[in-house]
C-alpha atoms as a PDB file:
ATOM      1  CA  MET A   1     -29.736   1.064  22.576  1.00  0.00           C
ATOM      2  CA  PHE A   2     -26.294   2.276  21.447  1.00  0.00           C
ATOM      3  CA  ARG A   3     -25.729   3.694  24.936  1.00  0.00           C
ATOM      4  CA  PHE A   4     -26.420   0.223  26.376  1.00  0.00           C
ATOM      5  CA  PHE A   5     -23.812  -1.345  24.078  1.00  0.00           C
ATOM      6  CA  ARG A   6     -21.265   1.348  24.988  1.00  0.00           C
ATOM      7  CA  LYS A   7     -21.584   0.498  28.765  1.00  0.00           C
ATOM      8  CA  ILE A   8     -21.039  -3.202  28.024  1.00  0.00           C
ATOM      9  CA  ARG A   9     -17.985  -2.357  25.918  1.00  0.00           C
ATOM     10  CA  GLN A  10     -16.563  -0.122  28.624  1.00  0.00           C
ATOM     11  CA  ARG A  11     -17.020  -2.806  31.360  1.00  0.00           C
ATOM     12  CA  LEU A  12     -15.197  -5.369  29.174  1.00  0.00           C
ATOM     13  CA  ILE A  13     -12.275  -2.988  28.581  1.00  0.00           C
ATOM     14  CA  ILE A  14     -12.017  -2.114  32.303  1.00  0.00           C
ATOM     15  CA  ASN A  15     -12.022  -5.760  33.286  1.00  0.00           C
ATOM     16  CA  ASN A  16      -9.320  -6.410  30.687  1.00  0.00           C
ATOM     17  CA  LYS A  17     -11.378  -8.987  28.897  1.00  0.00           C
ATOM     18  CA  VAL A  18      -9.985  -8.308  25.428  1.00  0.00           C
ATOM     19  CA  SER A  19     -11.050 -11.525  23.761  1.00  0.00           C
ATOM     20  CA  LYS A  20     -14.641 -11.080  24.965  1.00  0.00           C
ATOM     21  CA  TYR A  21     -14.549  -7.452  23.827  1.00  0.00           C
ATOM     22  CA  LEU A  22     -13.376  -8.483  20.380  1.00  0.00           C
ATOM     23  CA  LEU A  23     -16.220 -10.994  20.114  1.00  0.00           C
ATOM     24  CA  TYR A  24     -18.656  -8.374  21.279  1.00  0.00           C
ATOM     25  CA  ALA A  25     -17.297  -5.856  18.795  1.00  0.00           C
ATOM     26  CA  ILE A  26     -17.665  -8.304  15.975  1.00  0.00           C
ATOM     27  CA  GLY A  27     -21.192  -9.021  17.074  1.00  0.00           C
ATOM     28  CA  GLU A  28     -21.976  -5.328  17.167  1.00  0.00           C
ATOM     29  CA  ILE A  29     -20.584  -4.877  13.641  1.00  0.00           C
ATOM     30  CA  LEU A  30     -22.724  -7.794  12.418  1.00  0.00           C
ATOM     31  CA  LEU A  31     -25.820  -6.280  13.993  1.00  0.00           C
ATOM     32  CA  VAL A  32     -25.104  -2.963  12.231  1.00  0.00           C
ATOM     33  CA  VAL A  33     -24.510  -4.791   8.888  1.00  0.00           C
ATOM     34  CA  ILE A  34     -27.681  -6.857   9.346  1.00  0.00           C
ATOM     35  CA  GLY A  35     -29.609  -3.650  10.059  1.00  0.00           C
ATOM     36  CA  ILE A  36     -28.252  -1.984   6.942  1.00  0.00           C
ATOM     37  CA  LEU A  37     -29.125  -5.064   4.835  1.00  0.00           C
ATOM     38  CA  ILE A  38     -32.666  -5.176   6.240  1.00  0.00           C
ATOM     39  CA  ALA A  39     -33.095  -1.415   5.473  1.00  0.00           C
ATOM     40  CA  LEU A  40     -31.793  -1.944   1.930  1.00  0.00           C
ATOM     41  CA  GLN A  41     -34.116  -4.918   1.444  1.00  0.00           C
ATOM     42  CA  VAL A  42     -37.089  -2.874   2.678  1.00  0.00           C
ATOM     43  CA  ASP A  43     -36.133  -0.060   0.275  1.00  0.00           C
ATOM     44  CA  SER A  44     -35.858  -2.624  -2.528  1.00  0.00           C
ATOM     45  CA  TRP A  45     -39.291  -4.116  -1.710  1.00  0.00           C
ATOM     46  CA  ASN A  46     -40.831  -0.639  -1.714  1.00  0.00           C
ATOM     47  CA  GLU A  47     -39.157   0.260  -5.023  1.00  0.00           C
ATOM     48  CA  GLU A  48     -40.317  -3.024  -6.571  1.00  0.00           C
ATOM     49  CA  ARG A  49     -43.847  -2.346  -5.411  1.00  0.00           C
ATOM     50  CA  LYS A  50     -43.741   1.067  -6.991  1.00  0.00           C
ATOM     51  CA  ILE A  51     -42.398  -0.375 -10.249  1.00  0.00           C
ATOM     52  CA  ARG A  52     -45.085  -3.015 -10.302  1.00  0.00           C
ATOM     53  CA  ALA A  53     -47.787  -0.362  -9.660  1.00  0.00           C
ATOM     54  CA  ASP A  54     -46.295   1.736 -12.561  1.00  0.00           C
ATOM     55  CA  GLU A  55     -46.412  -1.407 -14.711  1.00  0.00           C
ATOM     56  CA  GLN A  56     -50.101  -1.915 -14.073  1.00  0.00           C
ATOM     57  CA  ILE A  57     -50.829   1.739 -15.019  1.00  0.00           C
ATOM     58  CA  LEU A  58     -48.798   1.315 -18.166  1.00  0.00           C
ATOM     59  CA  LEU A  59     -50.517  -1.963 -19.124  1.00  0.00           C
ATOM     60  CA  ARG A  60     -53.971  -0.364 -18.679  1.00  0.00           C
ATOM     61  CA  LYS A  61     -52.936   2.570 -20.884  1.00  0.00           C
ATOM     62  CA  LEU A  62     -51.529   0.197 -23.527  1.00  0.00           C
ATOM     63  CA  LYS A  63     -54.873  -1.648 -23.597  1.00  0.00           C
ATOM     64  CA  ASP A  64     -56.766   1.609 -24.235  1.00  0.00           C
ATOM     65  CA  ASP A  65     -54.239   2.783 -26.803  1.00  0.00           C
ATOM     66  CA  TYR A  66     -54.126  -0.424 -28.837  1.00  0.00           C
ATOM     67  CA  THR A  67     -57.919  -0.678 -28.738  1.00  0.00           C
ATOM     68  CA  ALA A  68     -57.977   2.816 -30.341  1.00  0.00           C
ATOM     69  CA  ASN A  69     -55.233   1.780 -32.774  1.00  0.00           C
ATOM     70  CA  LEU A  70     -57.274  -1.215 -33.882  1.00  0.00           C
ATOM     71  CA  GLU A  71     -60.360   0.919 -34.462  1.00  0.00           C
ATOM     72  CA  GLN A  72     -58.370   3.408 -36.548  1.00  0.00           C
ATOM     73  CA  LEU A  73     -56.671   0.635 -38.534  1.00  0.00           C
ATOM     74  CA  ASP A  74     -59.986  -1.041 -39.338  1.00  0.00           C
ATOM     75  CA  SER A  75     -61.301   2.270 -40.582  1.00  0.00           C
ATOM     76  CA  LYS A  76     -58.321   2.773 -42.868  1.00  0.00           C
ATOM     77  CA  ILE A  77     -58.585  -0.748 -44.249  1.00  0.00           C
ATOM     78  CA  THR A  78     -62.259  -0.194 -45.004  1.00  0.00           C
ATOM     79  CA  THR A  79     -61.554   3.085 -46.830  1.00  0.00           C
ATOM     80  CA  ARG A  80     -58.795   1.438 -48.888  1.00  0.00           C
ATOM     81  CA  LYS A  81     -61.176  -1.356 -49.813  1.00  0.00           C
ATOM     82  CA  VAL A  82     -63.496   1.298 -51.277  1.00  0.00           C
ATOM     83  CA  LEU A  83     -60.591   2.689 -53.280  1.00  0.00           C
ATOM     84  CA  ILE A  84     -59.481  -0.761 -54.460  1.00  0.00           C
ATOM     85  CA  ARG A  85     -63.014  -1.784 -55.451  1.00  0.00           C
ATOM     86  CA  SER A  86     -63.539   1.460 -57.386  1.00  0.00           C
ATOM     87  CA  SER A  87     -60.239   1.010 -59.178  1.00  0.00           C
ATOM     88  CA  LYS A  88     -61.034  -2.612 -60.197  1.00  0.00           C
ATOM     89  CA  GLU A  89     -64.409  -1.541 -61.515  1.00  0.00           C
ATOM     90  CA  LEU A  90     -62.759   1.297 -63.429  1.00  0.00           C
ATOM     91  CA  LEU A  91     -60.329  -1.200 -65.067  1.00  0.00           C
ATOM     92  CA  THR A  92     -63.377  -3.156 -66.167  1.00  0.00           C
ATOM     93  CA  PHE A  93     -64.727   0.038 -67.778  1.00  0.00           C
ATOM     94  CA  PHE A  94     -61.416   0.571 -69.552  1.00  0.00           C
ATOM     95  CA  ASP A  95     -61.565  -2.972 -70.877  1.00  0.00           C
ATOM     96  CA  ASN A  96     -65.261  -2.755 -71.761  1.00  0.00           C
ATOM     97  CA  PRO A  97     -66.171   0.904 -72.560  1.00  0.00           C
ATOM     98  CA  GLN A  98     -69.605  -0.065 -73.754  1.00  0.00           C
ATOM     99  CA  SER A  99     -70.596  -1.083 -70.200  1.00  0.00           C
ATOM    100  CA  ALA A 100     -69.534   2.263 -68.679  1.00  0.00           C
ATOM    101  CA  ASN A 101     -71.542   5.215 -67.431  1.00  0.00           C
ATOM    102  CA  LYS A 102     -69.757   8.572 -67.371  1.00  0.00           C
ATOM    103  CA  ASP A 103     -71.097   9.724 -63.983  1.00  0.00           C
ATOM    104  CA  SER A 104     -70.109   6.408 -62.455  1.00  0.00           C
ATOM    105  CA  VAL A 105     -66.626   6.587 -64.055  1.00  0.00           C
ATOM    106  CA  LEU A 106     -66.010  10.090 -62.702  1.00  0.00           C
ATOM    107  CA  SER A 107     -67.384   9.123 -59.272  1.00  0.00           C
ATOM    108  CA  LYS A 108     -65.018   6.146 -59.029  1.00  0.00           C
ATOM    109  CA  LEU A 109     -62.102   8.209 -60.287  1.00  0.00           C
ATOM    110  CA  GLY A 110     -62.908  10.594 -57.414  1.00  0.00           C
ATOM    111  CA  ASN A 111     -62.395   7.687 -54.958  1.00  0.00           C
ATOM    112  CA  LEU A 112     -58.743   7.639 -56.069  1.00  0.00           C
ATOM    113  CA  GLY A 113     -58.383  10.784 -53.981  1.00  0.00           C
ATOM    114  CA  LEU A 114     -58.931   8.773 -50.783  1.00  0.00           C
ATOM    115  CA  THR A 115     -55.326   9.157 -49.563  1.00  0.00           C
ATOM    116  CA  VAL A 116     -55.360   7.167 -46.357  1.00  0.00           C
ATOM    117  CA  THR A 117     -52.741   7.605 -43.664  1.00  0.00           C
ATOM    118  CA  TYR A 118     -52.454   5.436 -40.505  1.00  0.00           C
ATOM    119  CA  ASP A 119     -51.361   7.458 -37.447  1.00  0.00           C
ATOM    120  CA  PRO A 120     -51.578   5.226 -34.378  1.00  0.00           C
ATOM    121  CA  ILE A 121     -50.963   6.309 -30.779  1.00  0.00           C
ATOM    122  CA  ASN A 122     -47.239   5.997 -30.064  1.00  0.00           C
ATOM    123  CA  ASN A 123     -46.110   5.529 -26.462  1.00  0.00           C
ATOM    124  CA  ASP A 124     -42.462   5.661 -27.407  1.00  0.00           C
ATOM    125  CA  LEU A 125     -41.750   2.927 -24.864  1.00  0.00           C
ATOM    126  CA  ILE A 126     -38.269   2.119 -26.134  1.00  0.00           C
ATOM    127  CA  ALA A 127     -36.855   5.675 -26.213  1.00  0.00           C
ATOM    128  CA  SER A 128     -38.347   6.477 -22.813  1.00  0.00           C
ATOM    129  CA  GLY A 129     -37.134   3.218 -21.257  1.00  0.00           C
ATOM    130  CA  LYS A 130     -40.669   2.459 -19.951  1.00  0.00           C
ATOM    131  CA  ILE A 131     -40.613  -0.860 -21.755  1.00  0.00           C
ATOM    132  CA  ASN A 132     -38.113  -2.153 -19.166  1.00  0.00           C
ATOM    133  CA  ILE A 133     -40.699  -2.179 -16.419  1.00  0.00           C
ATOM    134  CA  ILE A 134     -42.830  -4.702 -18.317  1.00  0.00           C
ATOM    135  CA  GLN A 135     -42.078  -8.205 -17.004  1.00  0.00           C
ATOM    136  CA  ASN A 136     -43.681 -10.273 -19.810  1.00  0.00           C
ATOM    137  CA  GLU A 137     -41.003 -10.914 -22.431  1.00  0.00           C
ATOM    138  CA  GLU A 138     -43.492 -11.891 -25.115  1.00  0.00           C
ATOM    139  CA  LEU A 139     -45.340  -8.565 -24.728  1.00  0.00           C
ATOM    140  CA  LYS A 140     -42.060  -6.620 -24.793  1.00  0.00           C
ATOM    141  CA  THR A 141     -41.102  -8.370 -28.052  1.00  0.00           C
ATOM    142  CA  LEU A 142     -44.462  -7.549 -29.683  1.00  0.00           C
ATOM    143  CA  LEU A 143     -44.291  -3.898 -28.587  1.00  0.00           C
ATOM    144  CA  THR A 144     -40.720  -3.570 -29.881  1.00  0.00           C
ATOM    145  CA  LYS A 145     -41.648  -5.071 -33.264  1.00  0.00           C
ATOM    146  CA  TRP A 146     -44.797  -2.890 -33.526  1.00  0.00           C
ATOM    147  CA  SER A 147     -42.989   0.401 -34.245  1.00  0.00           C
ATOM    148  CA  THR A 148     -41.019  -1.072 -37.125  1.00  0.00           C
ATOM    149  CA  ASP A 149     -44.088  -2.609 -38.796  1.00  0.00           C
ATOM    150  CA  VAL A 150     -46.076   0.676 -38.471  1.00  0.00           C
ATOM    151  CA  ILE A 151     -43.235   2.500 -40.270  1.00  0.00           C
ATOM    152  CA  GLN A 152     -43.354  -0.128 -43.067  1.00  0.00           C
ATOM    153  CA  VAL A 153     -47.134   0.518 -43.609  1.00  0.00           C
ATOM    154  CA  GLN A 154     -46.661   4.252 -43.503  1.00  0.00           C
ATOM    155  CA  GLU A 155     -43.836   4.120 -46.118  1.00  0.00           C
ATOM    156  CA  VAL A 156     -46.049   2.292 -48.614  1.00  0.00           C
ATOM    157  CA  GLU A 157     -48.907   4.718 -47.852  1.00  0.00           C
ATOM    158  CA  ASN A 158     -46.628   7.626 -48.630  1.00  0.00           C
ATOM    159  CA  ILE A 159     -45.801   6.084 -52.048  1.00  0.00           C
ATOM    160  CA  TYR A 160     -49.490   6.354 -52.996  1.00  0.00           C
ATOM    161  CA  ILE A 161     -49.942   9.787 -51.442  1.00  0.00           C
ATOM    162  CA  ASN A 162     -46.974  11.198 -53.345  1.00  0.00           C
ATOM    163  CA  ALA A 163     -48.128   9.507 -56.567  1.00  0.00           C
ATOM    164  CA  HIS A 164     -51.585  11.020 -56.139  1.00  0.00           C
ATOM    165  CA  HIS A 165     -50.404  14.576 -55.455  1.00  0.00           C
ATOM    166  CA  TYR A 166     -47.502  14.725 -57.969  1.00  0.00           C
ATOM    167  CA  GLU A 167     -48.696  12.424 -60.725  1.00  0.00           C
ATOM    168  CA  ASN A 168     -52.449  11.644 -60.587  1.00  0.00           C
ATOM    169  CA  VAL A 169     -53.819  15.123 -59.925  1.00  0.00           C
ATOM    170  CA  PRO A 170     -51.664  16.824 -62.624  1.00  0.00           C
ATOM    171  CA  VAL A 171     -52.677  14.186 -65.218  1.00  0.00           C
ATOM    172  CA  MET A 172     -56.395  14.642 -64.399  1.00  0.00           C
ATOM    173  CA  ASN A 173     -56.172  18.431 -64.385  1.00  0.00           C
ATOM    174  CA  LYS A 174     -54.310  18.462 -67.666  1.00  0.00           C
ATOM    175  CA  PHE A 175     -56.804  16.099 -69.214  1.00  0.00           C
ATOM    176  CA  GLY A 176     -59.703  18.258 -68.139  1.00  0.00           C
ATOM    177  CA  ILE A 177     -61.424  16.117 -65.501  1.00  0.00           C
ATOM    178  CA  GLY A 178     -59.924  17.739 -62.434  1.00  0.00           C
ATOM    179  CA  ARG A 179     -63.119  19.695 -61.704  1.00  0.00           C
ATOM    180  CA  ALA A 180     -65.311  16.646 -62.131  1.00  0.00           C
ATOM    181  CA  ILE A 181     -63.059  14.538 -59.861  1.00  0.00           C
ATOM    182  CA  ASP A 182     -63.081  17.210 -57.160  1.00  0.00           C
ATOM    183  CA  LYS A 183     -66.892  17.446 -57.386  1.00  0.00           C
ATOM    184  CA  ALA A 184     -67.259  13.683 -57.043  1.00  0.00           C
ATOM    185  CA  LEU A 185     -64.936  13.572 -54.008  1.00  0.00           C
ATOM    186  CA  TYR A 186     -66.565  16.614 -52.345  1.00  0.00           C
ATOM    187  CA  ASP A 187     -70.047  15.230 -52.778  1.00  0.00           C
ATOM    188  CA  LYS A 188     -69.178  12.099 -50.847  1.00  0.00           C
ATOM    189  CA  ALA A 189     -66.989  13.865 -48.220  1.00  0.00           C
ATOM    190  CA  ASN A 190     -69.882  14.090 -45.779  1.00  0.00           C
ATOM    191  CA  ASP A 191     -70.153  10.302 -45.775  1.00  0.00           C
ATOM    192  CA  LEU A 192     -66.436   9.656 -45.186  1.00  0.00           C
ATOM    193  CA  SER A 193     -65.132  10.138 -41.659  1.00  0.00           C
ATOM    194  CA  THR A 194     -61.669   9.928 -43.253  1.00  0.00           C
ATOM    195  CA  PHE A 195     -62.069  13.549 -44.276  1.00  0.00           C
ATOM    196  CA  LEU A 196     -64.313  15.179 -41.718  1.00  0.00           C
ATOM    197  CA  LEU A 197     -63.688  15.463 -37.995  1.00  0.00           C
ATOM    198  CA  ASN A 198     -66.645  17.798 -37.569  1.00  0.00           C
ATOM    199  CA  ARG A 199     -69.516  17.062 -39.953  1.00  0.00           C
ATOM    200  CA  GLU A 200     -71.385  20.137 -38.769  1.00  0.00           C
ATOM    201  CA  GLU A 201     -68.876  22.354 -40.612  1.00  0.00           C
ATOM    202  CA  TYR A 202     -69.481  20.541 -43.892  1.00  0.00           C
ATOM    203  CA  ILE A 203     -70.994  22.952 -46.448  1.00  0.00           C
ATOM    204  CA  PRO A 204     -72.482  21.365 -49.570  1.00  0.00           C
ATOM    205  CA  TYR A 205     -71.347  22.975 -52.803  1.00  0.00           C
ATOM    206  CA  ASP A 206     -72.278  22.265 -56.428  1.00  0.00           C
ATOM    207  CA  PHE A 207     -69.132  22.417 -58.607  1.00  0.00           C
ATOM    208  CA  LYS A 208     -71.364  22.106 -61.702  1.00  0.00           C
ATOM    209  CA  LYS A 209     -70.146  20.600 -64.929  1.00  0.00           C
ATOM    210  CA  SER A 210     -67.074  21.974 -66.766  1.00  0.00           C
ATOM    211  CA  ARG A 211     -67.562  22.917 -70.407  1.00  0.00           C
ATOM    212  CA  LEU A 212     -63.975  21.556 -70.916  1.00  0.00           C
ATOM    213  CA  GLU A 213     -64.838  18.087 -69.658  1.00  0.00           C
ATOM    214  CA  PRO A 214     -63.889  15.364 -72.147  1.00  0.00           C
ATOM    215  CA  SER A 215     -66.231  12.706 -73.372  1.00  0.00           C
ATOM    216  CA  LEU A 216     -66.547   9.257 -71.823  1.00  0.00           C
ATOM    217  CA  GLU A 217     -64.870   7.753 -74.860  1.00  0.00           C
ATOM    218  CA  ALA A 218     -61.879  10.111 -74.453  1.00  0.00           C
ATOM    219  CA  ILE A 219     -61.629   9.248 -70.732  1.00  0.00           C
ATOM    220  CA  LEU A 220     -61.586   5.526 -71.345  1.00  0.00           C
ATOM    221  CA  ASN A 221     -59.088   5.796 -74.175  1.00  0.00           C
ATOM    222  CA  ASN A 222     -56.564   7.661 -72.003  1.00  0.00           C
ATOM    223  CA  ALA A 223     -53.575   5.376 -71.259  1.00  0.00           C
ATOM    224  CA  GLU A 224     -52.222   7.587 -68.443  1.00  0.00           C
ATOM    225  CA  LEU A 225     -55.552   7.387 -66.578  1.00  0.00           C
ATOM    226  CA  GLU A 226     -55.602   3.614 -67.049  1.00  0.00           C
ATOM    227  CA  GLY A 227     -52.117   3.394 -65.585  1.00  0.00           C
ATOM    228  CA  ILE A 228     -53.097   5.522 -62.575  1.00  0.00           C
ATOM    229  CA  VAL A 229     -56.032   3.192 -61.873  1.00  0.00           C
ATOM    230  CA  ALA A 230     -53.942   0.093 -62.142  1.00  0.00           C
ATOM    231  CA  ASN A 231     -51.284   1.567 -59.911  1.00  0.00           C
ATOM    232  CA  SER A 232     -53.821   2.484 -57.235  1.00  0.00           C
ATOM    233  CA  ILE A 233     -54.915  -1.209 -57.109  1.00  0.00           C
ATOM    234  CA  LEU A 234     -51.319  -2.444 -56.773  1.00  0.00           C
ATOM    235  CA  ILE A 235     -50.139  -0.036 -54.038  1.00  0.00           C
ATOM    236  CA  ASN A 236     -53.330  -0.126 -51.920  1.00  0.00           C
ATOM    237  CA  GLU A 237     -53.581  -3.918 -52.061  1.00  0.00           C
ATOM    238  CA  ILE A 238     -49.969  -4.016 -50.699  1.00  0.00           C
ATOM    239  CA  VAL A 239     -50.777  -1.510 -47.962  1.00  0.00           C
ATOM    240  CA  ASN A 240     -53.860  -3.486 -46.897  1.00  0.00           C
ATOM    241  CA  ALA A 241     -51.874  -6.694 -46.844  1.00  0.00           C
ATOM    242  CA  GLU A 242     -49.354  -5.019 -44.555  1.00  0.00           C
ATOM    243  CA  SER A 243     -52.211  -3.551 -42.524  1.00  0.00           C
ATOM    244  CA  PHE A 244     -53.750  -7.029 -41.927  1.00  0.00           C
ATOM    245  CA  THR A 245     -50.345  -8.148 -40.598  1.00  0.00           C
ATOM    246  CA  LEU A 246     -50.382  -5.097 -38.280  1.00  0.00           C
ATOM    247  CA  ARG A 247     -53.934  -5.902 -37.257  1.00  0.00           C
ATOM    248  CA  LYS A 248     -52.884  -9.443 -36.259  1.00  0.00           C
ATOM    249  CA  GLN A 249     -50.155  -7.931 -34.031  1.00  0.00           C
ATOM    250  CA  ILE A 250     -52.623  -5.609 -32.327  1.00  0.00           C
ATOM    251  CA  LEU A 251     -54.943  -8.508 -31.557  1.00  0.00           C
ATOM    252  CA  GLU A 252     -51.983 -10.463 -30.118  1.00  0.00           C
ATOM    253  CA  ILE A 253     -51.028  -7.542 -27.961  1.00  0.00           C
ATOM    254  CA  LEU A 254     -54.564  -6.985 -26.714  1.00  0.00           C
ATOM    255  CA  ASP A 255     -55.023 -10.747 -26.001  1.00  0.00           C
ATOM    256  CA  LEU A 256     -51.802 -10.781 -23.975  1.00  0.00           C
ATOM    257  CA  LEU A 257     -52.842  -7.626 -22.068  1.00  0.00           C
ATOM    258  CA  ARG A 258     -56.210  -9.194 -21.223  1.00  0.00           C
ATOM    259  CA  GLU A 259     -54.460 -12.382 -20.107  1.00  0.00           C
ATOM    260  CA  LEU A 260     -52.062 -10.456 -17.828  1.00  0.00           C
ATOM    261  CA  ASP A 261     -54.962  -8.483 -16.382  1.00  0.00           C
ATOM    262  CA  GLN A 262     -56.848 -11.730 -15.553  1.00  0.00           C
ATOM    263  CA  ASN A 263     -53.773 -13.344 -14.000  1.00  0.00           C
ATOM    264  CA  LYS A 264     -53.317 -10.289 -11.738  1.00  0.00           C
ATOM    265  CA  GLU A 265     -56.824 -10.845 -10.312  1.00  0.00           C
END
């Protein structure tokens, strides 16, 4: 084709038709420019198709990830409810010692060892830049806000975990009920998926009763223990309130992902 254009150009020059040659030259340049623009547009279309295909893969993965995040969050909320309920019942025993049973008190104190941590799947969309391929602005906003709210829940969780390890356990050990608390927690470990990933490895063990264990009256007259119980209610109620906000966000994200999937079809 270029050879054909060259012959035309040569004939125009030989015949001294400069004006026609200039027009021809301009036309040839325009054809080249148009060809380049078409090639660039085709490349752009191909790149856009690739980006949209990557977006669909990402959206499907997000749907799976946030479904798993919801299941884990619900499990953590349920475990905290057990802890909160036990703590409230314990406060009732502190207020009305005559209604208490020692085994029940120790069992419920054991529930205070349910230190729950929420560890959702993190796609790190912002740092990786992958969030930019998502077209839906509402979804992008929810995903951006998600990371911040997870951190907020985890920070309050850590307050309870640190209090348990550095305050609750030392107080209980010093008071002489550490062995009884560990026994209560170990006995119920097989029923709590929070602790065991592989139930087949669980080996029952009888801690037996310590001869140093204080009386029920002494337990329910201990102000430090009463404070620990009250604190567990306060902190875990706050964490669950934050978790329900997080749960609402997950549902909004999943609803939006389902809507986008339906619109694609």
